[in-house]
């Protein structure tokens, strides 16, 4: 399933624009957010998809300073998918990795980027942005009553990485046979 991975990655990267031709990706959300006290906006991360990046394609995390990878975590295709229009359900994992010493600043920046991802995905799921969720006759729809599952930051002291993630569920539908 190339379509959902690329659609979400390109949205988060800001290369797919919204219905008003405005970017709603992570960088735009970081620029629009308010910050606590003397905190400043972290740098916008590089966004990669497992379908387009050899490191992410192997399930590994990039070693850049700040990166986001989009990958399939789970895909369920019922037997009726062979004869019907609905293809199935998909869970995407949007991981944030920050390669640096596991300091409070790195954890703080990871939280801000995670918040920017949530804000960006909220825009992606708006009805006005349906076109951004259609690709190659596949419609990527948010599951009704869906909730974004967030995984708290985990520090890997050996590699100096801090990772967080969002798990996002989608229903896939084929628009034309």
N, C-alpha and C. Protein backbone atom coordinates (compact mmCIF):
# COMPACT_ATOMS: atom_id res chain seq x y z
N UNK A 1 0.82 -1.18 0.00
CA UNK A 1 0.00 0.00 0.00
C UNK A 1 0.87 1.25 0.00
N UNK A 2 1.28 1.63 -1.15
CA UNK A 2 2.13 2.81 -1.31
C UNK A 2 1.36 4.10 -1.03
N UNK A 3 0.10 4.14 -1.45
CA UNK A 3 -0.67 5.38 -1.43
C UNK A 3 -0.79 6.03 -0.06
N UNK A 4 -1.24 5.31 0.98
CA UNK A 4 -1.40 6.01 2.27
C UNK A 4 -0.08 6.48 2.87
N UNK A 5 0.97 5.70 2.70
CA UNK A 5 2.26 6.08 3.27
C UNK A 5 2.75 7.37 2.63
N UNK A 6 2.72 7.40 1.31
CA UNK A 6 3.19 8.61 0.61
C UNK A 6 2.27 9.80 0.86
N UNK A 7 0.96 9.59 0.88
CA UNK A 7 0.03 10.70 1.08
C UNK A 7 0.27 11.38 2.42
N UNK A 8 0.42 10.59 3.47
CA UNK A 8 0.65 11.16 4.80
C UNK A 8 2.04 11.81 4.88
N UNK A 9 3.06 11.15 4.35
CA UNK A 9 4.41 11.71 4.41
C UNK A 9 4.49 13.03 3.65
N UNK A 10 3.88 13.10 2.47
CA UNK A 10 3.94 14.33 1.69
C UNK A 10 3.13 15.44 2.36
N UNK A 11 2.03 15.08 3.03
CA UNK A 11 1.27 16.09 3.77
C UNK A 11 2.11 16.64 4.92
N UNK A 12 2.70 15.74 5.71
CA UNK A 12 3.50 16.19 6.86
C UNK A 12 4.72 17.00 6.42
N UNK A 13 5.27 16.67 5.25
CA UNK A 13 6.42 17.41 4.73
C UNK A 13 6.02 18.79 4.20
N UNK A 14 4.72 18.98 3.95
CA UNK A 14 4.24 20.25 3.44
C UNK A 14 4.27 20.35 1.93
N UNK A 15 4.55 19.26 1.23
CA UNK A 15 4.57 19.31 -0.23
C UNK A 15 3.18 19.19 -0.84
N UNK A 16 2.24 18.56 -0.12
CA UNK A 16 0.84 18.55 -0.54
C UNK A 16 0.15 19.70 0.19
N UNK A 17 -0.50 20.57 -0.58
CA UNK A 17 -1.14 21.75 -0.01
C UNK A 17 -2.61 21.46 0.32
N UNK A 18 -3.18 22.27 1.19
CA UNK A 18 -4.58 22.08 1.57
C UNK A 18 -5.52 22.67 0.52
N UNK A 19 -6.81 22.65 0.81
CA UNK A 19 -7.82 23.12 -0.12
C UNK A 19 -7.65 24.59 -0.50
N UNK A 20 -6.98 25.38 0.34
CA UNK A 20 -6.75 26.79 0.07
C UNK A 20 -5.33 27.03 -0.46
N UNK A 21 -4.67 25.96 -0.91
CA UNK A 21 -3.31 26.02 -1.46
C UNK A 21 -2.28 26.49 -0.44
N UNK A 22 -2.49 26.13 0.82
CA UNK A 22 -1.57 26.47 1.90
C UNK A 22 -0.94 25.21 2.46
N UNK A 23 0.35 25.25 2.82
CA UNK A 23 0.96 24.09 3.46
C UNK A 23 0.43 23.93 4.89
N UNK A 24 0.16 22.70 5.28
CA UNK A 24 -0.29 22.42 6.64
C UNK A 24 0.61 21.38 7.29
N UNK A 25 1.82 21.23 6.76
CA UNK A 25 2.75 20.24 7.26
C UNK A 25 3.34 20.62 8.62
N UNK A 26 4.31 19.86 9.04
CA UNK A 26 4.93 20.05 10.35
C UNK A 26 5.55 21.44 10.48
N UNK A 27 6.29 21.89 9.45
CA UNK A 27 6.95 23.19 9.53
C UNK A 27 5.93 24.31 9.70
N UNK A 28 4.82 24.24 8.96
CA UNK A 28 3.77 25.27 9.08
C UNK A 28 3.16 25.25 10.47
N UNK A 29 2.97 24.07 11.03
CA UNK A 29 2.37 23.96 12.37
C UNK A 29 3.34 24.47 13.43
N UNK A 30 4.63 24.15 13.29
CA UNK A 30 5.62 24.66 14.24
C UNK A 30 5.66 26.18 14.22
N UNK A 31 5.53 26.76 13.03
CA UNK A 31 5.56 28.22 12.91
C UNK A 31 4.31 28.87 13.52
N UNK A 32 3.19 28.15 13.52
CA UNK A 32 1.93 28.71 14.02
C UNK A 32 1.71 28.49 15.51
N UNK A 33 2.48 27.61 16.12
CA UNK A 33 2.26 27.26 17.53
C UNK A 33 2.82 28.32 18.46
N UNK A 34 2.27 28.36 19.67
CA UNK A 34 2.83 29.19 20.73
C UNK A 34 3.69 28.27 21.61
N UNK A 35 4.65 28.85 22.26
CA UNK A 35 5.60 28.08 23.05
C UNK A 35 5.64 28.58 24.48
N UNK A 36 5.96 27.70 25.37
CA UNK A 36 5.97 27.98 26.79
C UNK A 36 7.22 28.79 27.18
N UNK A 37 7.01 29.83 27.93
CA UNK A 37 8.13 30.60 28.48
C UNK A 37 9.11 31.06 27.42
N UNK A 38 10.37 30.69 27.60
CA UNK A 38 11.42 31.10 26.67
C UNK A 38 11.71 30.04 25.61
N UNK A 39 10.88 28.99 25.55
CA UNK A 39 11.09 27.95 24.52
C UNK A 39 10.93 28.56 23.13
N UNK A 40 11.71 28.06 22.21
CA UNK A 40 11.60 28.47 20.81
C UNK A 40 11.24 27.25 19.97
N UNK A 41 10.77 27.53 18.77
CA UNK A 41 10.36 26.44 17.88
C UNK A 41 11.56 25.58 17.50
N UNK A 42 11.42 24.26 17.58
CA UNK A 42 12.50 23.41 17.09
C UNK A 42 12.55 23.47 15.56
N UNK A 43 13.65 23.06 15.01
CA UNK A 43 13.77 23.00 13.55
C UNK A 43 12.78 21.98 13.01
N UNK A 44 12.25 22.26 11.85
CA UNK A 44 11.34 21.31 11.21
C UNK A 44 12.13 20.06 10.81
N UNK A 45 11.58 18.89 11.06
CA UNK A 45 12.29 17.65 10.74
C UNK A 45 12.20 17.30 9.26
N UNK A 46 13.14 16.47 8.81
CA UNK A 46 13.02 15.85 7.50
C UNK A 46 11.94 14.78 7.62
N UNK A 47 11.09 14.65 6.61
CA UNK A 47 10.02 13.65 6.62
C UNK A 47 10.30 12.65 5.52
N UNK A 48 10.30 11.36 5.89
CA UNK A 48 10.54 10.30 4.91
C UNK A 48 9.43 9.25 5.00
N UNK A 49 9.22 8.56 3.90
CA UNK A 49 8.26 7.47 3.84
C UNK A 49 9.03 6.17 3.62
N UNK A 50 8.53 5.10 4.21
CA UNK A 50 9.21 3.82 4.06
C UNK A 50 9.24 3.36 2.61
N UNK A 51 8.35 3.89 1.79
CA UNK A 51 8.29 3.52 0.38
C UNK A 51 9.31 4.25 -0.47
N UNK A 52 9.94 5.29 0.07
CA UNK A 52 10.84 6.12 -0.72
C UNK A 52 12.23 6.29 -0.12
N UNK A 53 12.47 5.72 1.02
CA UNK A 53 13.75 5.92 1.70
C UNK A 53 14.32 4.56 2.11
N UNK A 54 15.54 4.24 1.72
CA UNK A 54 16.09 2.91 2.03
C UNK A 54 16.23 2.63 3.52
N UNK A 55 16.53 3.64 4.31
CA UNK A 55 16.68 3.43 5.76
C UNK A 55 15.31 3.18 6.38
N UNK A 56 14.35 4.05 6.08
CA UNK A 56 12.99 3.86 6.61
C UNK A 56 12.37 2.58 6.07
N UNK A 57 12.70 2.22 4.82
CA UNK A 57 12.17 1.00 4.23
C UNK A 57 12.62 -0.27 4.94
N UNK A 58 13.77 -0.19 5.60
CA UNK A 58 14.25 -1.33 6.39
C UNK A 58 13.71 -1.30 7.82
N UNK A 59 12.88 -0.30 8.12
CA UNK A 59 12.32 -0.20 9.46
C UNK A 59 13.26 0.48 10.45
N UNK A 60 14.33 1.03 9.94
CA UNK A 60 15.29 1.71 10.81
C UNK A 60 14.97 3.20 10.88
N UNK A 61 15.52 3.85 11.87
CA UNK A 61 15.32 5.28 12.03
C UNK A 61 16.51 6.02 11.44
N UNK A 62 16.26 7.14 10.77
CA UNK A 62 17.36 7.92 10.20
C UNK A 62 18.27 8.47 11.29
N UNK A 63 19.49 8.79 10.90
CA UNK A 63 20.42 9.32 11.88
C UNK A 63 20.63 10.82 11.70
N UNK A 64 19.64 11.50 11.10
CA UNK A 64 19.72 12.95 10.98
C UNK A 64 19.34 13.58 12.32
N UNK A 65 19.59 14.86 12.47
CA UNK A 65 19.36 15.53 13.74
C UNK A 65 17.91 15.40 14.20
N UNK A 66 16.95 15.61 13.30
CA UNK A 66 15.53 15.48 13.63
C UNK A 66 14.85 14.94 12.39
N UNK A 67 14.12 13.85 12.53
CA UNK A 67 13.46 13.24 11.37
C UNK A 67 12.12 12.64 11.77
N UNK A 68 11.25 12.51 10.78
CA UNK A 68 9.96 11.86 10.94
C UNK A 68 9.87 10.80 9.85
N UNK A 69 9.48 9.60 10.22
CA UNK A 69 9.28 8.54 9.23
C UNK A 69 7.83 8.07 9.30
N UNK A 70 7.27 7.73 8.14
CA UNK A 70 5.91 7.23 8.03
C UNK A 70 5.99 5.81 7.48
N UNK A 71 5.38 4.87 8.19
CA UNK A 71 5.44 3.47 7.78
C UNK A 71 4.15 2.75 8.18
N UNK A 72 3.87 1.66 7.49
CA UNK A 72 2.72 0.84 7.84
C UNK A 72 3.07 0.01 9.07
N UNK A 73 2.19 0.08 10.05
CA UNK A 73 2.35 -0.74 11.25
C UNK A 73 1.51 -2.01 11.14
N UNK A 74 0.29 -1.86 10.58
CA UNK A 74 -0.61 -3.01 10.47
C UNK A 74 -1.56 -2.77 9.31
N UNK A 75 -1.84 -3.82 8.56
CA UNK A 75 -2.78 -3.76 7.45
C UNK A 75 -3.69 -4.97 7.55
N UNK A 76 -4.99 -4.74 7.60
CA UNK A 76 -5.97 -5.82 7.67
C UNK A 76 -6.87 -5.74 6.45
N UNK A 77 -6.88 -6.79 5.66
CA UNK A 77 -7.71 -6.84 4.46
C UNK A 77 -8.65 -8.02 4.58
N UNK A 78 -9.95 -7.77 4.82
CA UNK A 78 -10.89 -8.87 4.96
C UNK A 78 -11.06 -9.62 3.63
N UNK A 79 -11.58 -10.83 3.72
CA UNK A 79 -11.79 -11.64 2.52
C UNK A 79 -12.71 -10.93 1.53
N UNK A 80 -13.63 -10.13 2.03
CA UNK A 80 -14.54 -9.42 1.14
C UNK A 80 -13.83 -8.37 0.30
N UNK A 81 -12.60 -8.04 0.64
CA UNK A 81 -11.86 -7.05 -0.13
C UNK A 81 -11.63 -7.53 -1.56
N UNK A 82 -11.64 -8.83 -1.76
CA UNK A 82 -11.43 -9.35 -3.11
C UNK A 82 -12.64 -9.15 -4.00
N UNK A 83 -13.82 -9.01 -3.41
CA UNK A 83 -15.03 -8.87 -4.23
C UNK A 83 -15.74 -7.55 -4.04
N UNK A 84 -15.39 -6.80 -3.03
CA UNK A 84 -16.09 -5.56 -2.73
C UNK A 84 -15.27 -4.34 -3.04
N UNK A 85 -15.77 -3.20 -2.61
CA UNK A 85 -15.11 -1.93 -2.86
C UNK A 85 -14.13 -1.58 -1.74
N UNK A 86 -14.51 -1.87 -0.51
CA UNK A 86 -13.64 -1.53 0.62
C UNK A 86 -12.42 -2.45 0.61
N UNK A 87 -11.27 -1.87 0.79
CA UNK A 87 -10.05 -2.65 0.78
C UNK A 87 -9.71 -3.16 2.17
N UNK A 88 -9.74 -2.29 3.15
CA UNK A 88 -9.39 -2.75 4.49
C UNK A 88 -9.06 -1.62 5.43
N UNK A 89 -8.38 -1.98 6.50
CA UNK A 89 -7.99 -1.03 7.53
C UNK A 89 -6.47 -1.02 7.63
N UNK A 90 -5.97 0.15 7.95
CA UNK A 90 -4.53 0.35 7.97
C UNK A 90 -4.15 1.16 9.19
N UNK A 91 -3.06 0.80 9.82
CA UNK A 91 -2.50 1.62 10.90
C UNK A 91 -1.13 2.09 10.44
N UNK A 92 -0.98 3.43 10.42
CA UNK A 92 0.31 4.03 10.09
C UNK A 92 1.01 4.43 11.37
N UNK A 93 2.30 4.29 11.36
CA UNK A 93 3.14 4.72 12.47
C UNK A 93 3.95 5.91 12.00
N UNK A 94 3.77 7.04 12.67
CA UNK A 94 4.51 8.26 12.37
C UNK A 94 5.50 8.44 13.51
N UNK A 95 6.76 8.15 13.21
CA UNK A 95 7.79 8.18 14.26
C UNK A 95 8.65 9.44 14.15
N UNK A 96 8.96 10.00 15.31
CA UNK A 96 9.84 11.15 15.41
C UNK A 96 11.13 10.67 16.06
N UNK A 97 12.24 10.99 15.45
CA UNK A 97 13.52 10.62 16.06
C UNK A 97 14.40 11.87 16.12
N UNK A 98 15.04 12.04 17.23
CA UNK A 98 15.98 13.15 17.42
C UNK A 98 17.29 12.55 17.86
N UNK A 99 18.31 12.72 17.04
CA UNK A 99 19.63 12.19 17.36
C UNK A 99 20.46 13.28 18.01
N UNK A 100 20.64 13.14 19.28
CA UNK A 100 21.42 14.09 20.08
C UNK A 100 21.48 13.53 21.49
N UNK A 101 22.22 14.15 22.32
CA UNK A 101 22.25 13.71 23.71
C UNK A 101 20.83 13.76 24.27
N UNK A 102 20.47 12.76 25.04
CA UNK A 102 19.11 12.68 25.59
C UNK A 102 18.95 13.68 26.73
N UNK A 103 18.86 14.95 26.36
CA UNK A 103 18.70 16.00 27.35
C UNK A 103 17.25 16.44 27.43
N UNK A 104 16.94 17.25 28.39
CA UNK A 104 15.58 17.74 28.51
C UNK A 104 15.18 18.59 27.30
N UNK A 105 16.14 19.27 26.65
CA UNK A 105 15.82 20.06 25.47
C UNK A 105 15.38 19.16 24.31
N UNK A 106 16.03 18.02 24.17
CA UNK A 106 15.69 17.08 23.10
C UNK A 106 14.29 16.51 23.33
N UNK A 107 14.00 16.15 24.56
CA UNK A 107 12.67 15.63 24.89
C UNK A 107 11.63 16.72 24.66
N UNK A 108 11.93 17.94 25.09
CA UNK A 108 11.02 19.06 24.87
C UNK A 108 10.74 19.27 23.39
N UNK A 109 11.79 19.30 22.57
CA UNK A 109 11.62 19.49 21.13
C UNK A 109 10.80 18.35 20.52
N UNK A 110 11.00 17.14 21.00
CA UNK A 110 10.23 16.00 20.50
C UNK A 110 8.75 16.16 20.80
N UNK A 111 8.43 16.68 21.97
CA UNK A 111 7.03 16.94 22.32
C UNK A 111 6.43 18.01 21.40
N UNK A 112 7.18 19.07 21.14
CA UNK A 112 6.67 20.11 20.26
C UNK A 112 6.44 19.57 18.84
N UNK A 113 7.37 18.77 18.34
CA UNK A 113 7.20 18.20 17.00
C UNK A 113 6.01 17.24 17.00
N UNK A 114 5.84 16.46 18.05
CA UNK A 114 4.69 15.55 18.14
C UNK A 114 3.38 16.35 18.12
N UNK A 115 3.38 17.48 18.80
CA UNK A 115 2.18 18.34 18.78
C UNK A 115 1.93 18.90 17.38
N UNK A 116 2.99 19.29 16.70
CA UNK A 116 2.85 19.80 15.33
C UNK A 116 2.33 18.71 14.39
N UNK A 117 2.76 17.47 14.60
CA UNK A 117 2.25 16.35 13.79
C UNK A 117 0.76 16.18 14.04
N UNK A 118 0.35 16.22 15.29
CA UNK A 118 -1.07 16.08 15.62
C UNK A 118 -1.88 17.18 14.93
N UNK A 119 -1.41 18.42 15.00
CA UNK A 119 -2.11 19.54 14.37
C UNK A 119 -2.17 19.36 12.85
N UNK A 120 -1.08 18.90 12.27
CA UNK A 120 -1.04 18.69 10.82
C UNK A 120 -2.02 17.59 10.41
N UNK A 121 -2.04 16.49 11.16
CA UNK A 121 -2.96 15.39 10.83
C UNK A 121 -4.41 15.82 11.02
N UNK A 122 -4.69 16.68 11.98
CA UNK A 122 -6.05 17.19 12.14
C UNK A 122 -6.47 17.94 10.87
N UNK A 123 -5.58 18.69 10.29
CA UNK A 123 -5.87 19.39 9.03
C UNK A 123 -6.04 18.39 7.88
N UNK A 124 -5.20 17.38 7.85
CA UNK A 124 -5.27 16.34 6.81
C UNK A 124 -6.62 15.64 6.83
N UNK A 125 -7.20 15.48 8.01
CA UNK A 125 -8.47 14.76 8.17
C UNK A 125 -9.70 15.63 7.95
N UNK A 126 -9.53 16.92 7.76
CA UNK A 126 -10.69 17.80 7.51
C UNK A 126 -11.36 17.41 6.20
N UNK A 127 -12.69 17.54 6.17
CA UNK A 127 -13.45 17.21 4.95
C UNK A 127 -12.98 18.01 3.75
N UNK A 128 -12.61 19.27 3.96
CA UNK A 128 -12.16 20.11 2.85
C UNK A 128 -10.89 19.58 2.19
N UNK A 129 -10.16 18.75 2.89
CA UNK A 129 -8.89 18.23 2.37
C UNK A 129 -9.00 16.78 1.89
N UNK A 130 -10.22 16.36 1.54
CA UNK A 130 -10.41 14.98 1.05
C UNK A 130 -9.51 14.66 -0.13
N UNK A 131 -9.33 15.63 -1.02
CA UNK A 131 -8.52 15.39 -2.22
C UNK A 131 -7.11 14.91 -1.86
N UNK A 132 -6.58 15.38 -0.75
CA UNK A 132 -5.22 15.01 -0.34
C UNK A 132 -5.16 13.55 0.12
N UNK A 133 -6.32 12.96 0.41
CA UNK A 133 -6.37 11.57 0.88
C UNK A 133 -6.77 10.61 -0.24
N UNK A 134 -6.72 11.08 -1.48
CA UNK A 134 -7.04 10.22 -2.63
C UNK A 134 -5.81 10.11 -3.52
N UNK A 135 -5.48 8.88 -3.87
CA UNK A 135 -4.32 8.66 -4.72
C UNK A 135 -4.48 7.33 -5.43
N UNK A 136 -4.26 7.34 -6.73
CA UNK A 136 -4.34 6.11 -7.54
C UNK A 136 -5.65 5.35 -7.30
N UNK A 137 -6.76 6.07 -7.25
CA UNK A 137 -8.09 5.49 -7.01
C UNK A 137 -8.25 4.85 -5.64
N UNK A 138 -7.38 5.18 -4.72
CA UNK A 138 -7.50 4.71 -3.34
C UNK A 138 -7.85 5.91 -2.47
N UNK A 139 -8.91 5.77 -1.68
CA UNK A 139 -9.30 6.81 -0.73
C UNK A 139 -8.84 6.38 0.65
N UNK A 140 -8.15 7.27 1.32
CA UNK A 140 -7.62 7.02 2.65
C UNK A 140 -8.47 7.83 3.62
N UNK A 141 -9.37 7.16 4.30
CA UNK A 141 -10.28 7.85 5.20
C UNK A 141 -9.97 7.59 6.65
N UNK A 142 -10.01 8.63 7.47
CA UNK A 142 -9.83 8.39 8.90
C UNK A 142 -10.95 7.50 9.42
N UNK A 143 -10.63 6.60 10.30
CA UNK A 143 -11.64 5.73 10.89
C UNK A 143 -12.62 6.59 11.69
N UNK A 144 -13.93 6.26 11.63
CA UNK A 144 -14.89 7.01 12.44
C UNK A 144 -14.52 6.90 13.93
N UNK A 145 -14.67 7.98 14.63
CA UNK A 145 -14.35 8.05 16.06
C UNK A 145 -12.91 7.67 16.35
N UNK A 146 -12.03 7.90 15.39
CA UNK A 146 -10.64 7.52 15.59
C UNK A 146 -9.98 8.41 16.63
N UNK A 147 -9.00 7.86 17.25
CA UNK A 147 -8.17 8.61 18.18
C UNK A 147 -6.72 8.38 17.77
N UNK A 148 -5.93 9.39 17.90
CA UNK A 148 -4.50 9.23 17.63
C UNK A 148 -3.87 8.63 18.87
N UNK A 149 -3.16 7.55 18.70
CA UNK A 149 -2.45 6.94 19.82
C UNK A 149 -1.04 7.51 19.85
N UNK A 150 -0.65 8.01 21.00
CA UNK A 150 0.67 8.62 21.15
C UNK A 150 1.53 7.74 22.04
N UNK A 151 2.78 7.58 21.63
CA UNK A 151 3.76 6.83 22.42
C UNK A 151 4.74 7.82 23.01
N UNK A 152 4.97 7.75 24.29
CA UNK A 152 5.81 8.73 24.98
C UNK A 152 7.27 8.61 24.56
N UNK A 153 8.03 9.68 24.76
CA UNK A 153 9.43 9.65 24.35
C UNK A 153 10.21 8.55 25.05
N UNK A 154 11.03 7.89 24.27
CA UNK A 154 11.93 6.87 24.80
C UNK A 154 13.35 7.26 24.42
N UNK A 155 14.21 7.30 25.39
CA UNK A 155 15.59 7.67 25.12
C UNK A 155 16.44 6.42 25.00
N UNK A 156 17.25 6.39 23.96
CA UNK A 156 18.21 5.30 23.77
C UNK A 156 19.58 5.90 24.07
N UNK A 157 20.07 5.65 25.23
CA UNK A 157 21.30 6.31 25.68
C UNK A 157 22.52 5.91 24.88
N UNK A 158 22.56 4.67 24.36
CA UNK A 158 23.73 4.24 23.59
C UNK A 158 23.85 5.00 22.28
N UNK A 159 22.74 5.19 21.59
CA UNK A 159 22.77 5.85 20.29
C UNK A 159 22.42 7.33 20.37
N UNK A 160 22.15 7.81 21.57
CA UNK A 160 21.78 9.21 21.74
C UNK A 160 20.56 9.58 20.92
N UNK A 161 19.54 8.73 20.93
CA UNK A 161 18.31 9.02 20.20
C UNK A 161 17.14 9.11 21.15
N UNK A 162 16.24 10.01 20.84
CA UNK A 162 14.96 10.10 21.54
C UNK A 162 13.90 9.86 20.47
N UNK A 163 13.00 8.92 20.70
CA UNK A 163 11.95 8.63 19.72
C UNK A 163 10.58 8.74 20.36
N UNK A 164 9.64 9.22 19.57
CA UNK A 164 8.23 9.25 19.94
C UNK A 164 7.46 8.80 18.70
N UNK A 165 6.18 8.53 18.84
CA UNK A 165 5.42 8.07 17.67
C UNK A 165 3.94 8.35 17.84
N UNK A 166 3.27 8.47 16.72
CA UNK A 166 1.81 8.51 16.63
C UNK A 166 1.38 7.29 15.84
N UNK A 167 0.34 6.61 16.29
CA UNK A 167 -0.28 5.54 15.51
C UNK A 167 -1.62 6.08 15.03
N UNK A 168 -1.86 6.00 13.71
CA UNK A 168 -3.05 6.58 13.10
C UNK A 168 -3.76 5.51 12.28
N UNK A 169 -5.06 5.32 12.55
CA UNK A 169 -5.84 4.30 11.85
C UNK A 169 -6.62 4.91 10.69
N UNK A 170 -6.65 4.18 9.57
CA UNK A 170 -7.37 4.61 8.39
C UNK A 170 -8.19 3.46 7.82
N UNK A 171 -9.27 3.83 7.14
CA UNK A 171 -10.04 2.88 6.35
C UNK A 171 -9.69 3.16 4.90
N UNK A 172 -9.40 2.10 4.15
CA UNK A 172 -9.04 2.25 2.75
C UNK A 172 -10.19 1.81 1.87
N UNK A 173 -10.42 2.54 0.81
CA UNK A 173 -11.48 2.21 -0.12
C UNK A 173 -10.98 2.41 -1.53
N UNK A 174 -11.36 1.51 -2.40
CA UNK A 174 -11.04 1.70 -3.82
C UNK A 174 -12.17 2.51 -4.43
N UNK A 175 -11.80 3.60 -5.14
CA UNK A 175 -12.82 4.49 -5.69
C UNK A 175 -13.40 3.97 -6.99
N UNK A 176 -12.61 3.26 -7.75
CA UNK A 176 -13.09 2.70 -9.01
C UNK A 176 -12.48 1.31 -9.16
N UNK A 177 -13.28 0.36 -9.68
CA UNK A 177 -12.73 -1.00 -9.83
C UNK A 177 -11.65 -1.08 -10.88
